[in-house]
Amino acid sequence: MDAERTVNVAVQVLPLVEDLYPVVDRAIEVIAGSGVKYEVGPMETVMEGPLDKLLEVAKAAHLACFEAGAGRVVTIIKIADQVGGTTIEEKVAKYRGEGGRAR
């Protein structure tokens, strides 16, 4: 199996703080700065790329929550993979209307 195949990793950081949005924003900044393809959703951020790279980015997003002031963080990671690789677009293309927006 090709170690560089494209997979999807969803990461949901749950900082246990009063005002969580600034902490979550910091985690998303880390993901954005990583250079991987990603989409922010209402409950998690989905990334696309090689598995090892995405797991590194997920870890960095998790740790960024502590750097942003959280004393406790729960992070949920989901991996979608197949032998030939998989992309975000393959999963959602039929649900997107004009302009790439979900219907």
Protein backbone atom coordinates (compact mmCIF):
# COMPACT_ATOMS: atom_id res chain seq x y z
CA MET A 1 0.00 0.00 0.00
CA ASP A 2 1.30 3.45 -0.92
CA ALA A 3 2.22 5.31 2.29
CA GLU A 4 1.72 8.63 0.46
CA ARG A 5 -1.85 7.87 -0.67
CA THR A 6 -4.42 10.54 0.02
CA VAL A 7 -6.61 9.92 3.06
CA ASN A 8 -9.03 12.02 5.07
CA VAL A 9 -8.58 12.80 8.74
CA ALA A 10 -11.27 14.64 10.68
CA VAL A 11 -10.19 16.41 13.85
CA GLN A 12 -12.49 17.89 16.46
CA VAL A 13 -10.85 19.78 19.31
CA LEU A 14 -12.95 20.25 22.40
CA PRO A 15 -11.21 22.66 24.76
CA LEU A 16 -12.85 22.54 28.17
CA VAL A 17 -12.88 26.30 28.73
CA GLU A 18 -15.53 28.96 29.24
CA ASP A 19 -14.89 30.75 25.91
CA LEU A 20 -13.91 28.00 23.50
CA TYR A 21 -13.99 29.84 20.16
CA PRO A 22 -10.63 31.63 20.50
CA VAL A 23 -9.03 28.30 21.41
CA VAL A 24 -10.67 26.47 18.51
CA ASP A 25 -9.64 29.33 16.21
CA ARG A 26 -6.03 28.77 17.25
CA ALA A 27 -6.28 25.07 16.38
CA ILE A 28 -7.72 25.93 12.96
CA GLU A 29 -4.90 28.44 12.39
CA VAL A 30 -2.41 25.63 12.98
CA ILE A 31 -4.21 23.43 10.45
CA ALA A 32 -4.36 26.29 7.93
CA GLY A 33 -0.66 27.01 8.41
CA SER A 34 0.29 23.38 7.79
CA GLY A 35 -0.31 23.59 4.06
CA VAL A 36 -2.63 20.58 3.91
CA LYS A 37 -5.99 20.77 2.15
CA TYR A 38 -8.76 21.17 4.71
CA GLU A 39 -12.40 22.13 5.17
CA VAL A 40 -13.82 23.57 8.37
CA GLY A 41 -17.24 22.18 9.23
CA PRO A 42 -19.66 23.05 12.01
CA MET A 43 -18.39 20.24 14.26
CA GLU A 44 -14.97 19.21 12.94
CA THR A 45 -12.30 20.04 10.41
CA VAL A 46 -11.56 17.50 7.67
CA MET A 47 -8.07 17.37 6.21
CA GLU A 48 -6.74 15.61 3.11
CA GLY A 49 -3.26 14.24 2.44
CA PRO A 50 -0.83 11.53 3.53
CA LEU A 51 -1.83 9.88 6.82
CA ASP A 52 1.42 10.52 8.71
CA LYS A 53 1.35 14.24 7.82
CA LEU A 54 -2.30 14.60 8.84
CA LEU A 55 -1.73 12.91 12.18
CA GLU A 56 1.14 15.33 12.84
CA VAL A 57 -1.16 18.26 12.02
CA ALA A 58 -3.94 16.87 14.24
CA LYS A 59 -1.47 16.58 17.11
CA ALA A 60 -0.26 20.14 16.52
CA ALA A 61 -3.88 21.41 16.55
CA HIS A 62 -4.49 19.57 19.81
CA LEU A 63 -1.39 21.06 21.44
CA ALA A 64 -2.25 24.53 20.12
CA CYS A 65 -5.30 24.49 22.38
CA PHE A 66 -3.02 24.34 25.42
CA GLU A 67 -0.87 27.12 24.00
CA ALA A 68 -4.08 29.17 23.64
CA GLY A 69 -4.82 28.78 27.35
CA ALA A 70 -6.89 25.63 27.73
CA GLY A 71 -6.11 23.53 30.77
CA ARG A 72 -7.90 20.47 29.44
CA VAL A 73 -8.67 19.38 25.88
CA VAL A 74 -10.44 16.39 24.37
CA THR A 75 -9.60 15.77 20.71
CA ILE A 76 -11.49 13.32 18.52
CA ILE A 77 -9.78 12.02 15.38
CA LYS A 78 -11.43 10.01 12.59
CA ILE A 79 -9.56 8.45 9.67
CA ALA A 80 -11.15 7.58 6.32
CA ASP A 81 -8.87 5.49 4.14
CA GLN A 82 -8.91 2.98 1.31
CA VAL A 83 -6.25 1.14 -0.67
CA GLY A 84 -6.34 3.54 -3.62
CA GLY A 85 -6.68 6.66 -1.47
CA THR A 86 -9.69 8.91 -0.99
CA THR A 87 -10.47 12.62 -1.22
CA ILE A 88 -12.92 15.03 0.32
CA GLU A 89 -14.33 15.80 -3.11
CA GLU A 90 -15.07 12.14 -3.84
CA LYS A 91 -17.15 11.97 -0.69
CA VAL A 92 -19.18 15.16 -1.08
CA ALA A 93 -19.30 16.08 -4.78
CA LYS A 94 -22.86 14.85 -5.30
CA TYR A 95 -24.09 16.98 -2.38
CA ARG A 96 -22.53 20.24 -3.50
CA GLY A 97 -24.53 22.76 -5.44
CA GLU A 98 -23.15 25.51 -7.63
CA GLY A 99 -20.21 27.33 -6.15
CA GLY A 100 -19.11 24.31 -4.11
CA ARG A 101 -21.57 24.83 -1.28
CA ALA A 102 -23.39 22.03 0.41
CA ARG A 103 -27.12 21.95 -0.22
